[in-house]
Amino acid sequence: MNDSIPFDGRILSPVQQAVKDHFRDGGSWVAILVVLGILAAVICAITIVNHYQQRKHILKPLASDPQKLFEGLTHGLALPPSQATLLTEIVRDLKLAHPTVLLMSCSFYDASMSRWVRQARLSSEKLSTTQQSLMNLRNRLFPNA
């Protein structure tokens, strides 16, 4: 069913018809402008609140939580799942307060990996595989080192 009303060969929507009726019945522009002003203010307020909510959500976890920063950076590096899991396991085992340093310093990475391998006490078979995985991860994180 069509809610449109024909008018002078044109078809008016219900909103257009309401505006036409408003002015036909002696309504003023002031009422229309007040309604439009309120609508614009509400849209502006929603936009501002949404902007600050998104900004707060994006900045706060990274700025105050070293673990979330590390997780965000490793996710951004798009590491293969096996390397991401290994790196997360190493960070957990070493109990690093600021694990992101592993991603920024080649020498800290090397020292931390050596420490972790000693701590993990891996079998000789697993040790060889793990060392190769650590070297692949190192080459991915520090390609020019």
Protein backbone atom coordinates (compact mmCIF):
# COMPACT_ATOMS: atom_id res chain seq x y z
CA MET A 1 0.00 0.00 0.00
CA ASN A 2 1.34 3.43 -0.93
CA ASP A 3 1.25 6.16 1.76
CA SER A 4 1.96 8.90 -0.77
CA ILE A 5 -0.57 11.61 -1.53
CA PRO A 6 -0.84 13.08 -5.05
CA PHE A 7 -0.42 16.85 -5.25
CA ASP A 8 -0.35 18.89 -8.46
CA GLY A 9 0.81 15.91 -10.47
CA ARG A 10 3.57 15.14 -7.92
CA ILE A 11 3.52 12.54 -5.20
CA LEU A 12 4.28 13.69 -1.66
CA SER A 13 5.69 11.46 1.05
CA PRO A 14 3.99 11.55 4.46
CA VAL A 15 6.76 13.86 5.78
CA GLN A 16 6.35 16.27 2.88
CA GLN A 17 2.58 16.18 3.37
CA ALA A 18 2.99 16.97 7.09
CA VAL A 19 5.20 19.98 6.28
CA LYS A 20 2.69 21.17 3.65
CA ASP A 21 -0.16 20.82 6.17
CA HIS A 22 1.88 22.67 8.81
CA PHE A 23 2.31 25.72 6.59
CA ARG A 24 -1.23 25.53 5.18
CA ASP A 25 -2.61 25.66 8.74
CA GLY A 26 -0.65 28.83 9.51
CA GLY A 27 2.50 27.25 11.01
CA SER A 28 5.70 29.26 11.05
CA TRP A 29 9.28 28.60 10.03
CA VAL A 30 10.37 28.99 13.62
CA ALA A 31 8.81 25.66 14.65
CA ILE A 32 10.50 23.85 11.75
CA LEU A 33 13.87 25.47 12.53
CA VAL A 34 13.59 24.55 16.23
CA VAL A 35 12.91 20.90 15.35
CA LEU A 36 15.82 20.86 12.86
CA GLY A 37 18.10 22.54 15.41
CA ILE A 38 17.24 19.97 18.08
CA LEU A 39 17.79 17.16 15.58
CA ALA A 40 21.19 18.61 14.56
CA ALA A 41 22.23 19.01 18.23
CA VAL A 42 21.32 15.39 19.00
CA ILE A 43 23.27 14.12 15.98
CA CYS A 44 26.30 16.24 16.97
CA ALA A 45 26.16 15.00 20.57
CA ILE A 46 25.97 11.35 19.46
CA THR A 47 28.88 11.85 17.06
CA ILE A 48 31.07 13.50 19.73
CA VAL A 49 30.30 10.84 22.35
CA ASN A 50 30.97 8.06 19.83
CA HIS A 51 34.28 9.64 18.80
CA TYR A 52 35.54 9.88 22.38
CA GLN A 53 34.35 6.37 23.24
CA GLN A 54 36.26 4.92 20.30
CA ARG A 55 39.37 6.95 21.07
CA LYS A 56 39.26 5.97 24.75
CA HIS A 57 38.81 2.31 23.83
CA ILE A 58 41.74 2.34 21.39
CA LEU A 59 44.29 4.27 23.48
CA LYS A 60 43.66 3.19 27.06
CA PRO A 61 44.49 -0.54 26.93
CA LEU A 62 47.73 -0.02 25.04
CA ALA A 63 48.94 2.86 27.19
CA SER A 64 48.41 1.21 30.56
CA ASP A 65 48.85 -2.54 30.06
CA PRO A 66 52.20 -3.87 28.80
CA GLN A 67 50.69 -7.31 28.12
CA LYS A 68 47.91 -5.84 25.93
CA LEU A 69 50.48 -3.76 24.07
CA PHE A 70 52.54 -6.90 23.43
CA GLU A 71 49.47 -8.84 22.26
CA GLY A 72 48.44 -5.99 19.97
CA LEU A 73 51.89 -5.75 18.42
CA THR A 74 52.27 -9.50 17.90
CA HIS A 75 48.83 -9.56 16.31
CA GLY A 76 49.87 -6.67 14.06
CA LEU A 77 52.99 -8.55 12.98
CA ALA A 78 50.76 -11.32 11.60
CA LEU A 79 53.05 -14.05 12.90
CA PRO A 80 52.23 -17.63 11.96
CA PRO A 81 50.22 -19.26 14.77
CA SER A 82 53.10 -21.52 15.81
CA GLN A 83 55.48 -18.56 16.23
CA ALA A 84 52.87 -16.45 18.03
CA THR A 85 52.16 -19.32 20.43
CA LEU A 86 55.86 -19.92 21.06
CA LEU A 87 56.50 -16.23 21.71
CA THR A 88 53.52 -16.02 24.09
CA GLU A 89 54.71 -19.13 25.94
CA ILE A 90 58.22 -17.69 26.31
CA VAL A 91 56.90 -14.37 27.65
CA ARG A 92 54.73 -16.24 30.15
CA ASP A 93 57.55 -18.54 31.27
CA LEU A 94 60.06 -15.70 31.66
CA LYS A 95 57.47 -13.53 33.47
CA LEU A 96 58.59 -10.42 31.61
CA ALA A 97 57.08 -7.21 32.99
CA HIS A 98 57.40 -5.47 29.61
CA PRO A 99 57.40 -8.19 26.96
CA THR A 100 57.31 -5.72 24.06
CA VAL A 101 61.04 -5.18 24.55
CA LEU A 102 61.52 -8.61 22.94
CA LEU A 103 60.16 -7.16 19.71
CA MET A 104 62.36 -4.05 19.78
CA SER A 105 65.81 -5.24 20.79
CA CYS A 106 67.68 -8.00 19.00
CA SER A 107 70.18 -8.39 21.84
CA PHE A 108 67.41 -8.58 24.47
CA TYR A 109 65.62 -11.14 22.30
CA ASP A 110 68.78 -13.28 22.05
CA ALA A 111 69.49 -13.08 25.78
CA SER A 112 65.89 -13.87 26.67
CA MET A 113 65.75 -16.83 24.30
CA SER A 114 68.98 -18.26 25.74
CA ARG A 115 67.59 -17.87 29.24
CA TRP A 116 64.31 -19.50 28.26
CA VAL A 117 66.01 -22.47 26.56
CA ARG A 118 68.08 -23.07 29.72
CA GLN A 119 64.98 -22.78 31.91
CA ALA A 120 62.80 -25.00 29.71
CA ARG A 121 65.18 -27.98 29.93
CA LEU A 122 64.03 -29.38 26.61
CA SER A 123 64.95 -32.84 25.37
CA SER A 124 67.69 -32.88 22.72
CA GLU A 125 65.12 -33.69 20.01
CA LYS A 126 62.79 -30.89 21.05
CA LEU A 127 65.72 -28.53 21.65
CA SER A 128 66.83 -28.69 18.02
CA THR A 129 63.32 -28.04 16.69
CA THR A 130 62.72 -25.23 19.17
CA GLN A 131 66.04 -23.54 18.40
CA GLN A 132 65.19 -23.61 14.69
CA SER A 133 61.77 -22.07 15.46
CA LEU A 134 63.42 -19.39 17.58
CA MET A 135 65.89 -18.60 14.78
CA ASN A 136 63.03 -18.35 12.23
CA LEU A 137 61.17 -16.03 14.60
CA ARG A 138 64.33 -13.94 15.14
CA ASN A 139 64.82 -13.59 11.38
CA ARG A 140 61.23 -12.50 11.00
CA LEU A 141 61.41 -9.93 13.81
CA PHE A 142 64.89 -8.62 12.97
CA PRO A 143 65.43 -9.20 9.23
CA ASN A 144 68.46 -6.91 8.99
CA ALA A 145 70.26 -8.07 12.13
